[in-house]
C-alpha atoms as a PDB file:
ATOM      1  CA  MET A   1      -4.879  -3.386  -3.499  1.00  0.00           C
ATOM      2  CA  ALA A   2      -1.189  -4.154  -4.033  1.00  0.00           C
ATOM      3  CA  GLU A   3       1.051  -1.380  -5.295  1.00  0.00           C
ATOM      4  CA  ARG A   4       2.171  -1.791  -8.881  1.00  0.00           C
ATOM      5  CA  ILE A   5       5.819  -1.965  -9.671  1.00  0.00           C
ATOM      6  CA  GLU A   6       6.201  -0.467 -13.127  1.00  0.00           C
ATOM      7  CA  ALA A   7       9.931  -1.006 -13.634  1.00  0.00           C
ATOM      8  CA  ALA A   8      11.303  -2.512 -16.799  1.00  0.00           C
ATOM      9  CA  THR A   9      14.129  -5.017 -16.541  1.00  0.00           C
ATOM     10  CA  VAL A  10      16.756  -5.653 -19.222  1.00  0.00           C
ATOM     11  CA  VAL A  11      17.503  -9.363 -19.454  1.00  0.00           C
ATOM     12  CA  ALA A  12      20.482 -10.957 -21.210  1.00  0.00           C
ATOM     13  CA  LEU A  13      19.563 -14.323 -22.705  1.00  0.00           C
ATOM     14  CA  ARG A  14      21.894 -17.325 -22.985  1.00  0.00           C
ATOM     15  CA  ASP A  15      22.305 -16.781 -26.737  1.00  0.00           C
ATOM     16  CA  GLY A  16      23.500 -13.182 -26.275  1.00  0.00           C
ATOM     17  CA  ARG A  17      20.249 -11.440 -27.231  1.00  0.00           C
ATOM     18  CA  GLN A  18      18.636  -8.957 -24.861  1.00  0.00           C
ATOM     19  CA  VAL A  19      14.997  -8.223 -24.120  1.00  0.00           C
ATOM     20  CA  VAL A  20      13.183  -5.886 -21.795  1.00  0.00           C
ATOM     21  CA  ILE A  21      10.603  -7.440 -19.463  1.00  0.00           C
ATOM     22  CA  ARG A  22       7.987  -4.885 -18.488  1.00  0.00           C
ATOM     23  CA  PRO A  23       4.271  -4.482 -17.776  1.00  0.00           C
ATOM     24  CA  ILE A  24       2.019  -4.529 -20.813  1.00  0.00           C
ATOM     25  CA  ALA A  25       0.596  -1.188 -21.909  1.00  0.00           C
ATOM     26  CA  GLU A  26      -2.452  -0.239 -23.930  1.00  0.00           C
ATOM     27  CA  GLU A  27      -0.053   1.005 -26.613  1.00  0.00           C
ATOM     28  CA  ASP A  28       1.163  -2.601 -27.089  1.00  0.00           C
ATOM     29  CA  ARG A  29      -1.936  -3.649 -29.055  1.00  0.00           C
ATOM     30  CA  ALA A  30      -0.291  -3.727 -32.508  1.00  0.00           C
ATOM     31  CA  ALA A  31       2.816  -5.496 -31.197  1.00  0.00           C
ATOM     32  CA  LEU A  32       0.694  -8.073 -29.334  1.00  0.00           C
ATOM     33  CA  GLU A  33      -1.397  -8.643 -32.479  1.00  0.00           C
ATOM     34  CA  ALA A  34       1.841  -9.250 -34.427  1.00  0.00           C
ATOM     35  CA  PHE A  35       3.018 -11.640 -31.678  1.00  0.00           C
ATOM     36  CA  GLY A  36      -0.232 -13.599 -32.025  1.00  0.00           C
ATOM     37  CA  ARG A  37      -0.045 -13.648 -35.836  1.00  0.00           C
ATOM     38  CA  ASP A  38       3.515 -15.001 -35.687  1.00  0.00           C
ATOM     39  CA  LEU A  39       2.648 -17.920 -33.392  1.00  0.00           C
ATOM     40  CA  PRO A  40       2.623 -21.307 -35.105  1.00  0.00           C
ATOM     41  CA  LYS A  41      -0.777 -22.932 -35.606  1.00  0.00           C
ATOM     42  CA  ASN A  42       0.253 -25.665 -33.169  1.00  0.00           C
ATOM     43  CA  ASP A  43       0.663 -23.097 -30.371  1.00  0.00           C
ATOM     44  CA  LEU A  44      -2.695 -21.520 -31.128  1.00  0.00           C
ATOM     45  CA  LEU A  45      -4.435 -24.887 -30.719  1.00  0.00           C
ATOM     46  CA  TYR A  46      -3.618 -25.031 -27.002  1.00  0.00           C
ATOM     47  CA  LEU A  47      -4.045 -21.473 -25.752  1.00  0.00           C
ATOM     48  CA  GLU A  48      -6.786 -20.381 -23.380  1.00  0.00           C
ATOM     49  CA  ASP A  49      -6.779 -16.960 -25.059  1.00  0.00           C
ATOM     50  CA  ASP A  50      -6.941 -16.864 -28.860  1.00  0.00           C
ATOM     51  CA  PHE A  51      -3.947 -14.680 -29.728  1.00  0.00           C
ATOM     52  CA  SER A  52      -4.997 -14.648 -33.399  1.00  0.00           C
ATOM     53  CA  ASN A  53      -8.246 -12.827 -32.546  1.00  0.00           C
ATOM     54  CA  PRO A  54      -7.959  -8.999 -32.593  1.00  0.00           C
ATOM     55  CA  GLU A  55     -10.875  -8.706 -30.136  1.00  0.00           C
ATOM     56  CA  ILE A  56      -9.017 -10.868 -27.597  1.00  0.00           C
ATOM     57  CA  ILE A  57      -5.852  -8.797 -28.103  1.00  0.00           C
ATOM     58  CA  ALA A  58      -7.869  -5.619 -27.510  1.00  0.00           C
ATOM     59  CA  ARG A  59      -9.295  -7.127 -24.302  1.00  0.00           C
ATOM     60  CA  LEU A  60      -5.816  -8.074 -23.103  1.00  0.00           C
ATOM     61  CA  THR A  61      -4.268  -4.677 -23.759  1.00  0.00           C
ATOM     62  CA  ASN A  62      -7.302  -2.840 -22.364  1.00  0.00           C
ATOM     63  CA  ALA A  63      -6.866  -4.827 -19.144  1.00  0.00           C
ATOM     64  CA  ALA A  64      -3.400  -3.351 -18.586  1.00  0.00           C
ATOM     65  CA  ARG A  65      -4.738  -1.544 -15.495  1.00  0.00           C
ATOM     66  CA  ALA A  66      -7.053  -4.244 -14.141  1.00  0.00           C
ATOM     67  CA  GLU A  67      -7.049  -4.526 -10.350  1.00  0.00           C
ATOM     68  CA  ASN A  68      -6.519  -8.285  -9.948  1.00  0.00           C
ATOM     69  CA  TRP A  69      -4.776  -9.046 -13.208  1.00  0.00           C
ATOM     70  CA  ARG A  70      -1.232  -8.235 -14.297  1.00  0.00           C
ATOM     71  CA  GLN A  71       0.390  -8.899 -17.641  1.00  0.00           C
ATOM     72  CA  ILE A  72       4.005  -8.562 -18.603  1.00  0.00           C
ATOM     73  CA  VAL A  73       5.760  -8.789 -21.937  1.00  0.00           C
ATOM     74  CA  ALA A  74       9.284  -9.360 -23.177  1.00  0.00           C
ATOM     75  CA  VAL A  75      10.152  -6.827 -25.860  1.00  0.00           C
ATOM     76  CA  THR A  76      13.112  -6.634 -28.232  1.00  0.00           C
ATOM     77  CA  GLU A  77      15.079  -3.472 -28.899  1.00  0.00           C
ATOM     78  CA  ASP A  78      12.900  -2.771 -31.963  1.00  0.00           C
ATOM     79  CA  GLY A  79       9.658  -3.046 -29.948  1.00  0.00           C
ATOM     80  CA  LYS A  80       8.655  -6.550 -31.011  1.00  0.00           C
ATOM     81  CA  ILE A  81       6.874  -8.596 -28.313  1.00  0.00           C
ATOM     82  CA  VAL A  82       8.474 -12.042 -28.073  1.00  0.00           C
ATOM     83  CA  ALA A  83       6.818 -13.317 -24.884  1.00  0.00           C
ATOM     84  CA  TRP A  84       3.736 -12.643 -22.758  1.00  0.00           C
ATOM     85  CA  ALA A  85       2.732 -13.699 -19.259  1.00  0.00           C
ATOM     86  CA  ALA A  86      -0.192 -12.986 -16.967  1.00  0.00           C
ATOM     87  CA  ALA A  87      -1.088 -13.450 -13.314  1.00  0.00           C
ATOM     88  CA  LEU A  88      -4.745 -13.386 -12.340  1.00  0.00           C
ATOM     89  CA  ARG A  89      -5.618 -13.306  -8.648  1.00  0.00           C
ATOM     90  CA  LEU A  90      -8.630 -15.519  -8.081  1.00  0.00           C
ATOM     91  CA  PRO A  91     -11.770 -14.253  -6.322  1.00  0.00           C
ATOM     92  CA  GLY A  92     -13.546 -15.373  -3.145  1.00  0.00           C
ATOM     93  CA  TRP A  93     -12.059 -17.986  -0.884  1.00  0.00           C
ATOM     94  CA  SER A  94      -9.111 -18.365  -3.266  1.00  0.00           C
ATOM     95  CA  HIS A  95      -8.167 -14.672  -3.252  1.00  0.00           C
ATOM     96  CA  HIS A  96      -4.675 -15.629  -2.027  1.00  0.00           C
ATOM     97  CA  VAL A  97      -4.088 -17.666  -5.223  1.00  0.00           C
ATOM     98  CA  ALA A  98      -2.927 -16.357  -8.593  1.00  0.00           C
ATOM     99  CA  ASP A  99      -3.265 -18.275 -11.842  1.00  0.00           C
ATOM    100  CA  ILE A 100      -0.303 -17.866 -14.182  1.00  0.00           C
ATOM    101  CA  ARG A 101      -0.158 -18.012 -17.972  1.00  0.00           C
ATOM    102  CA  LEU A 102       3.017 -17.798 -20.043  1.00  0.00           C
ATOM    103  CA  LEU A 103       3.783 -17.867 -23.761  1.00  0.00           C
ATOM    104  CA  VAL A 104       7.116 -17.464 -25.572  1.00  0.00           C
ATOM    105  CA  ALA A 105       7.652 -17.043 -29.325  1.00  0.00           C
ATOM    106  CA  PRO A 106       9.296 -20.131 -30.871  1.00  0.00           C
ATOM    107  CA  ASN A 107      12.507 -18.325 -31.886  1.00  0.00           C
ATOM    108  CA  TYR A 108      12.972 -17.202 -28.252  1.00  0.00           C
ATOM    109  CA  ARG A 109      12.554 -20.634 -26.660  1.00  0.00           C
ATOM    110  CA  ARG A 110      15.466 -22.571 -25.162  1.00  0.00           C
ATOM    111  CA  CYS A 111      17.483 -19.410 -24.498  1.00  0.00           C
ATOM    112  CA  GLY A 112      16.392 -18.748 -20.910  1.00  0.00           C
ATOM    113  CA  LEU A 113      13.572 -16.308 -21.634  1.00  0.00           C
ATOM    114  CA  GLY A 114      10.890 -18.677 -20.337  1.00  0.00           C
ATOM    115  CA  MET A 115      12.665 -18.928 -16.981  1.00  0.00           C
ATOM    116  CA  HIS A 116      13.181 -15.153 -16.734  1.00  0.00           C
ATOM    117  CA  LEU A 117       9.548 -14.499 -17.601  1.00  0.00           C
ATOM    118  CA  ALA A 118       8.307 -17.186 -15.179  1.00  0.00           C
ATOM    119  CA  GLN A 119      10.339 -15.614 -12.365  1.00  0.00           C
ATOM    120  CA  ALA A 120       9.000 -12.169 -13.248  1.00  0.00           C
ATOM    121  CA  ILE A 121       5.358 -13.271 -13.366  1.00  0.00           C
ATOM    122  CA  VAL A 122       5.659 -15.076 -10.022  1.00  0.00           C
ATOM    123  CA  GLU A 123       7.018 -11.832  -8.565  1.00  0.00           C
ATOM    124  CA  THR A 124       4.141  -9.978 -10.199  1.00  0.00           C
ATOM    125  CA  ALA A 125       1.684 -12.401  -8.567  1.00  0.00           C
ATOM    126  CA  ARG A 126       3.337 -11.662  -5.214  1.00  0.00           C
ATOM    127  CA  GLU A 127       2.791  -7.941  -5.851  1.00  0.00           C
ATOM    128  CA  LEU A 128      -0.897  -8.743  -6.414  1.00  0.00           C
ATOM    129  CA  GLY A 129      -1.012 -10.182  -2.906  1.00  0.00           C
ATOM    130  CA  ALA A 130      -0.901 -13.854  -3.846  1.00  0.00           C
ATOM    131  CA  THR A 131       0.741 -16.343  -1.483  1.00  0.00           C
ATOM    132  CA  LYS A 132       0.095 -19.314  -3.758  1.00  0.00           C
ATOM    133  CA  VAL A 133       0.632 -19.445  -7.507  1.00  0.00           C
ATOM    134  CA  MET A 134      -0.612 -22.094  -9.865  1.00  0.00           C
ATOM    135  CA  VAL A 135      -0.179 -22.898 -13.516  1.00  0.00           C
ATOM    136  CA  ASP A 136      -1.893 -25.464 -15.667  1.00  0.00           C
ATOM    137  CA  MET A 137      -0.602 -26.742 -18.970  1.00  0.00           C
ATOM    138  CA  LEU A 138      -0.951 -29.671 -21.267  1.00  0.00           C
ATOM    139  CA  ALA A 139       0.740 -32.820 -19.986  1.00  0.00           C
ATOM    140  CA  ALA A 140       2.752 -32.862 -23.219  1.00  0.00           C
ATOM    141  CA  GLN A 141       4.311 -29.458 -22.444  1.00  0.00           C
ATOM    142  CA  THR A 142       7.275 -30.891 -20.564  1.00  0.00           C
ATOM    143  CA  ALA A 143       9.577 -27.898 -21.154  1.00  0.00           C
ATOM    144  CA  GLY A 144       7.096 -25.611 -19.385  1.00  0.00           C
ATOM    145  CA  GLN A 145       6.767 -28.089 -16.547  1.00  0.00           C
ATOM    146  CA  ALA A 146      10.558 -28.168 -16.175  1.00  0.00           C
ATOM    147  CA  ILE A 147      10.730 -24.355 -15.918  1.00  0.00           C
ATOM    148  CA  PHE A 148       8.146 -24.216 -13.159  1.00  0.00           C
ATOM    149  CA  SER A 149       9.666 -27.222 -11.365  1.00  0.00           C
ATOM    150  CA  ARG A 150      12.984 -25.357 -11.178  1.00  0.00           C
ATOM    151  CA  LEU A 151      11.086 -22.476  -9.553  1.00  0.00           C
ATOM    152  CA  GLY A 152       9.797 -24.803  -6.818  1.00  0.00           C
ATOM    153  CA  PHE A 153       6.409 -25.663  -8.292  1.00  0.00           C
ATOM    154  CA  ALA A 154       5.101 -29.168  -7.678  1.00  0.00           C
ATOM    155  CA  VAL A 155       2.455 -31.143  -9.528  1.00  0.00           C
ATOM    156  CA  GLU A 156      -0.823 -31.005  -7.627  1.00  0.00           C
ATOM    157  CA  GLY A 157      -2.736 -33.137 -10.054  1.00  0.00           C
ATOM    158  CA  GLN A 158      -3.533 -34.166 -13.571  1.00  0.00           C
ATOM    159  CA  LEU A 159      -6.926 -33.923 -15.222  1.00  0.00           C
ATOM    160  CA  ALA A 160      -7.563 -36.470 -17.945  1.00  0.00           C
ATOM    161  CA  ARG A 161      -8.980 -35.232 -21.253  1.00  0.00           C
ATOM    162  CA  HIS A 162      -9.696 -31.853 -19.645  1.00  0.00           C
ATOM    163  CA  ALA A 163      -8.612 -29.521 -22.456  1.00  0.00           C
ATOM    164  CA  ILE A 164      -9.953 -29.474 -25.968  1.00  0.00           C
ATOM    165  CA  ASP A 165      -7.904 -27.801 -28.673  1.00  0.00           C
ATOM    166  CA  ARG A 166      -9.304 -25.796 -31.546  1.00  0.00           C
ATOM    167  CA  ASP A 167      -9.283 -28.949 -33.723  1.00  0.00           C
ATOM    168  CA  GLY A 168     -11.496 -30.803 -31.225  1.00  0.00           C
ATOM    169  CA  ASN A 169      -8.796 -33.087 -29.769  1.00  0.00           C
ATOM    170  CA  LEU A 170      -8.807 -33.810 -26.033  1.00  0.00           C
ATOM    171  CA  HIS A 171      -5.666 -33.427 -23.886  1.00  0.00           C
ATOM    172  CA  ASP A 172      -4.629 -34.075 -20.300  1.00  0.00           C
ATOM    173  CA  ILE A 173      -3.813 -31.054 -18.112  1.00  0.00           C
ATOM    174  CA  VAL A 174      -1.116 -30.918 -15.427  1.00  0.00           C
ATOM    175  CA  ILE A 175      -1.726 -28.525 -12.522  1.00  0.00           C
ATOM    176  CA  MET A 176       1.359 -27.214 -10.719  1.00  0.00           C
ATOM    177  CA  SER A 177       1.596 -24.823  -7.785  1.00  0.00           C
ATOM    178  CA  ALA A 178       3.983 -23.194  -5.347  1.00  0.00           C
ATOM    179  CA  TYR A 179       3.651 -21.168  -2.173  1.00  0.00           C
ATOM    180  CA  ILE A 180       5.385 -17.792  -2.135  1.00  0.00           C
ATOM    181  CA  ARG A 181       6.179 -15.345   0.640  1.00  0.00           C
ATOM    182  CA  PRO A 182       3.756 -12.452   0.751  1.00  0.00           C
ATOM    183  CA  SER A 183       4.816  -9.027  -0.382  1.00  0.00           C
ATOM    184  CA  THR A 184       5.201  -6.417   2.366  1.00  0.00           C
ATOM    185  CA  ASP A 185       3.619  -3.002   1.778  1.00  0.00           C
ATOM    186  CA  GLY A 186       3.373  -3.717  -1.949  1.00  0.00           C
ATOM    187  CA  VAL A 187       7.125  -4.128  -2.256  1.00  0.00           C
ATOM    188  CA  ALA A 188       8.280  -7.566  -3.359  1.00  0.00           C
ATOM    189  CA  GLU A 189      10.793  -9.331  -1.151  1.00  0.00           C
END
């Protein structure tokens, strides 16, 4: 098992605001519930995890110490969660691969937080022992694709009508991936 790095990082955003990026904790349940409540309905349509469901939020915060799953959050000075990301190392013959998820509150988009969080979750995946990271998103989510492209991710494929939103509409999915150097002795390079 990879060693956990528990450090928090203060990040200055392009608009002058600051957030702390750190691992999620069980004590973050109320703040993560508020984050989910504040998401626009449009965002909730496309998420794999229903951030408006308190049971899902409880599952996410209870998994703070899961062996093959890491979650990080971006938190404001007053303790409000404004972004969440996760890396899940896959089992079996894909144990070298981590699946990434990332979500940023609307009022914290286009200020560099998505890029900072993407970099941090890729590093977190490396700490999990992953040497390949992948992310899938709706084809229409071009801003997210641009962030991961800048980090060296490439499109591996597109699946037509693969995702169904909570209103029953079908959407294409883009799958992107990148290879990363392995961590040595649990310490990220």
